[in-house]
Amino acid sequence: MHNNEWWFSVVDSQDARAYWLKLKQRLNGEGNQVVINCHGLKLPATDGKMRETDCANTVGLLRIIQSIPSPKAEPFKRWLVKVGYDRVRKIGCFNKIFNIQETQKINQIITKERL
């Protein structure tokens, strides 16, 4: 937990770290705001020491996944679409999915990413 919000390590292995560094460089070059929303937080490493690693909150992590161009990410992306679609269908109206407070929070995130 960081600032009362769940944060996740963007990488959890050397292979993932190498891929993340390459993706981060590409996203930075494109001016993608997802990278700006990642924060260096200290997490326990396998050697027991606290090491700074790139972390993202839930929204940031899902945005990173959306930006991965690899076909290997497609099954997860399709699953996210299915979850979203099922939620819309279950509730029956897109407007009912978000309350006003959630909609304002999403709009603030989008606005920050555009700046």
Protein backbone atom coordinates (compact mmCIF):
# COMPACT_ATOMS: atom_id res chain seq x y z
CA MET A 1 0.00 0.00 0.00
CA HIS A 2 1.20 3.46 -0.89
CA ASN A 3 -0.99 6.51 -0.22
CA ASN A 4 -3.92 4.18 0.62
CA GLU A 5 -3.72 2.56 -2.81
CA TRP A 6 -2.42 -0.81 -4.02
CA TRP A 7 0.79 -0.57 -6.07
CA PHE A 8 2.43 -3.40 -7.99
CA SER A 9 5.96 -4.00 -9.16
CA VAL A 10 6.12 -3.59 -12.92
CA VAL A 11 8.86 -6.24 -13.13
CA ASP A 12 9.40 -9.43 -11.19
CA SER A 13 12.24 -11.11 -13.11
CA GLN A 14 15.33 -10.18 -15.10
CA ASP A 15 13.56 -11.03 -18.38
CA ALA A 16 10.63 -8.81 -17.45
CA ARG A 17 13.02 -6.05 -16.36
CA ALA A 18 14.81 -6.03 -19.73
CA TYR A 19 11.46 -5.93 -21.54
CA TRP A 20 10.14 -3.16 -19.25
CA LEU A 21 13.23 -0.99 -19.81
CA LYS A 22 12.81 -1.32 -23.58
CA LEU A 23 9.04 -0.66 -23.42
CA LYS A 24 9.55 2.28 -21.05
CA GLN A 25 12.05 3.82 -23.46
CA ARG A 26 9.60 3.41 -26.37
CA LEU A 27 6.67 4.84 -24.39
CA ASN A 28 8.79 7.80 -23.24
CA GLY A 29 9.75 8.45 -26.86
CA GLU A 30 6.07 8.48 -27.84
CA GLY A 31 5.25 10.87 -24.99
CA ASN A 32 3.06 8.24 -23.34
CA GLN A 33 2.05 9.33 -19.83
CA VAL A 34 1.85 5.77 -18.47
CA VAL A 35 5.55 5.90 -17.64
CA ILE A 36 5.15 9.14 -15.69
CA ASN A 37 2.54 7.43 -13.53
CA CYS A 38 5.07 4.78 -12.43
CA HIS A 39 6.85 5.50 -9.18
CA GLY A 40 10.04 4.11 -7.73
CA LEU A 41 9.04 2.41 -4.49
CA LYS A 42 11.28 0.35 -2.24
CA LEU A 43 10.27 -3.30 -2.11
CA PRO A 44 12.02 -6.29 -0.53
CA ALA A 45 14.33 -8.03 -3.01
CA THR A 46 15.24 -11.73 -3.04
CA ASP A 47 18.39 -10.92 -1.06
CA GLY A 48 16.25 -9.39 1.70
CA LYS A 49 17.34 -5.81 1.00
CA MET A 50 14.94 -3.03 0.14
CA ARG A 51 15.45 -2.04 -3.50
CA GLU A 52 13.76 0.69 -5.51
CA THR A 53 11.68 -0.66 -8.37
CA ASP A 54 9.20 0.81 -10.83
CA CYS A 55 5.68 0.37 -9.49
CA ALA A 56 2.26 1.21 -10.85
CA ASN A 57 -1.21 1.37 -9.33
CA THR A 58 -4.01 -0.76 -10.75
CA VAL A 59 -4.98 1.75 -13.45
CA GLY A 60 -1.35 2.28 -14.43
CA LEU A 61 -0.67 -1.44 -14.61
CA LEU A 62 -3.68 -2.03 -16.85
CA ARG A 63 -2.61 0.88 -19.07
CA ILE A 64 0.88 -0.62 -19.37
CA ILE A 65 -0.64 -3.96 -20.36
CA GLN A 66 -2.77 -2.20 -23.00
CA SER A 67 0.37 -0.66 -24.50
CA ILE A 68 2.28 -3.94 -24.87
CA PRO A 69 2.51 -4.68 -28.60
CA SER A 70 3.32 -8.38 -28.13
CA PRO A 71 0.79 -10.98 -29.32
CA LYS A 72 1.44 -12.73 -25.99
CA ALA A 73 -0.47 -9.89 -24.26
CA GLU A 74 -3.56 -10.37 -26.45
CA PRO A 75 -5.24 -13.10 -24.34
CA PHE A 76 -5.08 -10.86 -21.26
CA LYS A 77 -6.32 -7.84 -23.24
CA ARG A 78 -9.26 -9.91 -24.54
CA TRP A 79 -10.00 -11.07 -20.99
CA LEU A 80 -10.11 -7.42 -19.83
CA VAL A 81 -12.55 -6.60 -22.63
CA LYS A 82 -14.72 -9.58 -21.66
CA VAL A 83 -14.76 -8.52 -17.99
CA GLY A 84 -15.71 -4.96 -18.98
CA TYR A 85 -18.37 -6.17 -21.41
CA ASP A 86 -19.88 -8.57 -18.86
CA ARG A 87 -20.04 -5.75 -16.30
CA VAL A 88 -21.82 -3.43 -18.73
CA ARG A 89 -24.26 -6.20 -19.68
CA LYS A 90 -24.91 -7.17 -16.04
CA ILE A 91 -25.68 -3.61 -14.97
CA GLY A 92 -27.65 -2.87 -18.12
CA CYS A 93 -26.55 0.70 -18.57
CA PHE A 94 -23.04 2.06 -18.98
CA ASN A 95 -23.88 5.20 -17.00
CA LYS A 96 -24.75 3.12 -13.93
CA ILE A 97 -21.33 1.46 -13.83
CA PHE A 98 -19.59 4.51 -12.46
CA ASN A 99 -20.88 6.74 -9.77
CA ILE A 100 -20.15 10.44 -10.11
CA GLN A 101 -17.09 10.25 -7.86
CA GLU A 102 -15.51 7.42 -9.87
CA THR A 103 -16.20 9.23 -13.15
CA GLN A 104 -14.52 12.38 -11.82
CA LYS A 105 -11.48 10.35 -10.73
CA ILE A 106 -11.20 8.73 -14.17
CA ASN A 107 -11.51 12.13 -15.86
CA GLN A 108 -8.74 13.51 -13.62
CA ILE A 109 -6.47 10.60 -14.59
CA ILE A 110 -7.17 11.12 -18.29
CA THR A 111 -6.59 14.88 -17.98
CA LYS A 112 -3.25 14.34 -16.20
CA GLU A 113 -2.15 11.94 -18.96
CA ARG A 114 -2.91 14.50 -21.65
CA LEU A 115 -0.83 17.25 -19.99
